[in-house]
Protein backbone atom coordinates (compact mmCIF):
# COMPACT_ATOMS: atom_id res chain seq x y z
CA UNK A 1 38.47 -3.92 -52.66
CA UNK A 2 37.35 -0.47 -51.60
CA UNK A 3 33.81 -1.77 -50.99
CA UNK A 4 35.17 -4.63 -48.90
CA UNK A 5 37.26 -2.21 -46.82
CA UNK A 6 34.22 0.03 -46.26
CA UNK A 7 32.11 -2.94 -45.16
CA UNK A 8 34.87 -4.07 -42.80
CA UNK A 9 35.17 -0.63 -41.23
CA UNK A 10 31.40 -0.43 -40.87
CA UNK A 11 31.34 -3.75 -39.02
CA UNK A 12 34.11 -2.54 -36.71
CA UNK A 13 32.14 0.62 -35.91
CA UNK A 14 28.98 -1.35 -35.22
CA UNK A 15 30.85 -3.77 -32.98
CA UNK A 16 32.43 -0.89 -31.04
CA UNK A 17 29.05 0.79 -30.62
CA UNK A 18 27.48 -2.43 -29.36
CA UNK A 19 30.32 -2.97 -26.91
CA UNK A 20 30.00 0.59 -25.60
CA UNK A 21 26.26 0.14 -25.16
CA UNK A 22 26.64 -3.11 -23.23
CA UNK A 23 29.59 -2.06 -21.09
CA UNK A 24 28.89 -0.83 -17.55
CA UNK A 25 29.00 2.94 -16.94
CA UNK A 26 32.32 4.39 -15.89
CA UNK A 27 30.80 5.83 -12.72
CA UNK A 28 27.96 4.49 -10.61
CA UNK A 29 26.49 5.78 -7.37
CA UNK A 30 24.52 4.19 -4.57
CA UNK A 31 21.91 5.65 -2.27
CA UNK A 32 19.47 4.36 0.35
CA UNK A 33 15.87 5.34 1.07
CA UNK A 34 13.46 4.05 3.72
CA UNK A 35 9.82 4.18 2.71
CA UNK A 36 7.80 1.77 4.79
CA UNK A 37 7.30 -1.75 3.46
CA UNK A 38 10.29 -2.34 1.23
CA UNK A 39 8.30 -4.65 -1.04
CA UNK A 40 6.21 -1.69 -2.15
CA UNK A 41 8.89 0.83 -3.08
CA UNK A 42 11.09 -1.48 -5.16
CA UNK A 43 9.01 -1.67 -8.40
CA UNK A 44 9.09 2.07 -9.14
CA UNK A 45 12.88 2.23 -8.90
CA UNK A 46 13.38 -1.00 -10.83
CA UNK A 47 11.65 0.47 -13.87
CA UNK A 48 13.36 3.87 -13.73
CA UNK A 49 15.82 4.40 -16.62
CA UNK A 50 19.33 4.74 -15.25
CA UNK A 51 18.75 2.55 -12.20
CA UNK A 52 21.11 -0.41 -12.49
CA UNK A 53 20.21 -2.43 -9.41
CA UNK A 54 17.98 -2.33 -6.34
CA UNK A 55 18.27 -4.33 -3.14
CA UNK A 56 15.83 -4.21 -0.24
CA UNK A 57 17.19 -4.46 3.26
CA UNK A 58 17.75 -2.73 6.56
CA UNK A 59 19.45 0.56 7.46
CA UNK A 60 19.66 2.83 10.48
CA UNK A 61 20.53 0.40 13.25
CA UNK A 62 23.73 -0.78 14.89
CA UNK A 63 23.23 -4.50 15.54
CA UNK A 64 25.29 -6.57 13.07
CA UNK A 65 23.58 -8.75 10.47
CA UNK A 66 19.95 -7.90 11.28
CA UNK A 67 17.18 -10.28 10.26
CA UNK A 68 13.58 -9.62 9.30
CA UNK A 69 12.47 -11.04 12.64
CA UNK A 70 14.81 -8.79 14.61
CA UNK A 71 13.87 -5.65 12.70
CA UNK A 72 10.18 -6.54 12.93
CA UNK A 73 10.44 -6.84 16.71
CA UNK A 74 10.76 -3.03 16.74
CA UNK A 75 13.57 -3.29 19.28
CA UNK A 76 16.20 -1.78 16.97
CA UNK A 77 16.60 1.45 15.02
CA UNK A 78 16.64 -0.36 11.69
CA UNK A 79 14.18 0.67 9.01
CA UNK A 80 13.04 -1.31 6.01
CA UNK A 81 14.99 0.32 3.19
CA UNK A 82 16.05 0.07 -0.42
CA UNK A 83 19.57 0.46 -1.75
CA UNK A 84 19.70 1.87 -5.28
CA UNK A 85 22.69 1.64 -7.59
CA UNK A 86 22.37 4.03 -10.51
CA UNK A 87 24.12 5.68 -13.42
CA UNK A 88 24.31 9.42 -12.64
CA UNK A 89 24.75 10.08 -16.35
CA UNK A 90 21.22 8.80 -16.97
CA UNK A 91 19.34 9.65 -13.78
CA UNK A 92 20.20 12.22 -11.12
CA UNK A 93 19.89 11.99 -7.35
CA UNK A 94 17.22 14.68 -7.54
CA UNK A 95 15.21 12.56 -9.98
CA UNK A 96 15.48 9.58 -7.64
CA UNK A 97 14.08 11.77 -4.88
CA UNK A 98 11.18 12.74 -7.14
CA UNK A 99 10.37 9.05 -7.54
CA UNK A 100 10.79 8.45 -3.82
CA UNK A 101 8.34 11.15 -2.72
CA UNK A 102 5.64 9.57 -4.87
CA UNK A 103 6.04 6.20 -3.15
CA UNK A 104 5.43 7.37 0.40
CA UNK A 105 3.23 9.50 2.63
CA UNK A 106 5.74 12.18 3.60
CA UNK A 107 3.39 13.55 6.27
CA UNK A 108 3.29 10.34 8.33
CA UNK A 109 5.82 10.07 11.15
CA UNK A 110 4.91 6.77 12.85
CA UNK A 111 5.34 4.49 9.84
CA UNK A 112 3.84 4.27 6.39
CA UNK A 113 0.14 3.75 5.75
CA UNK A 114 -1.13 0.74 7.76
CA UNK A 115 2.42 -0.35 8.61
CA UNK A 116 3.09 1.43 11.87
CA UNK A 117 6.24 1.15 13.93
CA UNK A 118 9.85 2.38 14.01
CA UNK A 119 10.98 0.01 11.26
CA UNK A 120 8.46 1.49 8.82
CA UNK A 121 9.37 5.16 9.28
CA UNK A 122 10.43 6.96 6.12
CA UNK A 123 13.92 8.42 5.79
CA UNK A 124 16.43 9.61 3.23
CA UNK A 125 19.94 8.40 4.07
CA UNK A 126 22.44 10.81 2.54
CA UNK A 127 25.99 9.74 1.76
CA UNK A 128 27.58 13.16 1.32
CA UNK A 129 27.08 16.84 2.11
CA UNK A 130 25.97 17.34 -1.48
CA UNK A 131 23.29 14.65 -1.19
CA UNK A 132 22.13 16.17 2.09
CA UNK A 133 21.78 19.57 0.44
CA UNK A 134 19.88 18.15 -2.55
CA UNK A 135 17.59 16.14 -0.26
CA UNK A 136 16.81 19.16 1.93
CA UNK A 137 16.08 21.29 -1.14
CA UNK A 138 13.83 18.58 -2.56
CA UNK A 139 11.96 18.31 0.74
CA UNK A 140 11.48 22.08 0.91
CA UNK A 141 10.26 22.11 -2.68
CA UNK A 142 7.63 19.48 -1.85
CA UNK A 143 6.61 21.36 1.30
CA UNK A 144 6.07 24.58 -0.65
CA UNK A 145 4.28 22.88 -3.53
CA UNK A 146 0.93 22.86 -1.74
CA UNK A 147 0.54 19.17 -2.51
CA UNK A 148 0.04 18.33 1.15
CA UNK A 149 -1.69 20.33 3.88
CA UNK A 150 0.24 18.63 6.68
CA UNK A 151 3.96 19.22 7.32
CA UNK A 152 6.52 17.08 5.50
CA UNK A 153 8.11 15.03 8.28
CA UNK A 154 10.32 12.57 6.38
CA UNK A 155 13.72 12.50 8.08
CA UNK A 156 17.01 13.19 6.32
CA UNK A 157 19.71 11.18 8.08
CA UNK A 158 23.40 10.37 7.59
CA UNK A 159 23.97 7.06 5.84
CA UNK A 160 24.68 3.98 7.93
CA UNK A 161 25.64 0.45 7.00
CA UNK A 162 23.06 -1.21 4.78
CA UNK A 163 22.29 -4.91 5.16
CA UNK A 164 20.46 -6.77 2.38
CA UNK A 165 17.27 -8.50 3.44
CA UNK A 166 16.64 -12.20 3.05
CA UNK A 167 16.35 -13.47 -0.52
CA UNK A 168 12.59 -14.10 -0.30
CA UNK A 169 12.07 -10.35 0.14
CA UNK A 170 13.99 -9.39 -3.01
CA UNK A 171 11.74 -8.48 -5.97
CA UNK A 172 8.77 -9.69 -3.94
CA UNK A 173 6.43 -8.17 -6.49
CA UNK A 174 7.84 -10.63 -9.03
CA UNK A 175 8.13 -13.63 -6.73
CA UNK A 176 4.59 -13.35 -5.34
CA UNK A 177 2.64 -10.98 -7.62
CA UNK A 178 -0.85 -11.83 -6.37
CA UNK A 179 -0.02 -11.45 -2.70
CA UNK A 180 2.00 -8.33 -3.41
CA UNK A 181 -0.86 -6.65 -5.27
CA UNK A 182 -3.36 -7.51 -2.54
CA UNK A 183 -1.01 -6.23 0.16
CA UNK A 184 -0.14 -3.04 -1.69
CA UNK A 185 -3.78 -2.14 -2.27
CA UNK A 186 -4.84 -3.24 1.21
CA UNK A 187 -2.24 -1.03 2.85
CA UNK A 188 -3.80 2.12 1.42
CA UNK A 189 -0.65 3.04 -0.46
CA UNK A 190 -2.14 2.80 -3.95
CA UNK A 191 -5.26 4.83 -3.12
CA UNK A 192 -3.05 7.49 -1.50
CA UNK A 193 -0.86 7.67 -4.60
CA UNK A 194 -3.84 8.00 -6.90
CA UNK A 195 -5.43 10.67 -4.72
CA UNK A 196 -2.30 12.81 -4.52
CA UNK A 197 -0.53 12.10 -7.80
CA UNK A 198 -3.40 11.21 -10.13
CA UNK A 199 -2.25 7.63 -10.66
CA UNK A 200 0.05 5.03 -9.20
CA UNK A 201 3.55 6.38 -10.00
């Protein structure tokens, strides 16, 4: 009887542990970064422990319900962006910024790599004064690291409404892996990452 009771209690503990592991975190946070072609910055965040969800889309403009065609016309202030939902207990905002810096050329002001135009300009969209402070500190840290000879020009801007992009843009690296790889390498992004960070982050 005692052995049976012990086994029963053990099963209850295991079940509770499994439920706790599978249950969503009590607190989640969301942030938005613009880093040029949104196809290219999604993979790194998708594989980061603590990131729960990523969605590529548009941020920075005022026109309602922007489309890829509208944003690509370069007649709005929208930028191709990524919205990241994460568990702050597993990954911090500062760590997300560390990942972000390694996805972009922070010295380029007119776009990112071969993608030139307002919609490809890099930006950190902060959602609070605390995020703004952390982003500014992270930017200063990168500037003083000696990693880049040119000034760090990535903008730090107040958050605006984020609109998800069309479905065919989501997880493009999974939907069209061959075209994605060719595009990513052809843009110069991968060679830049390897030159400055030793490997593709």
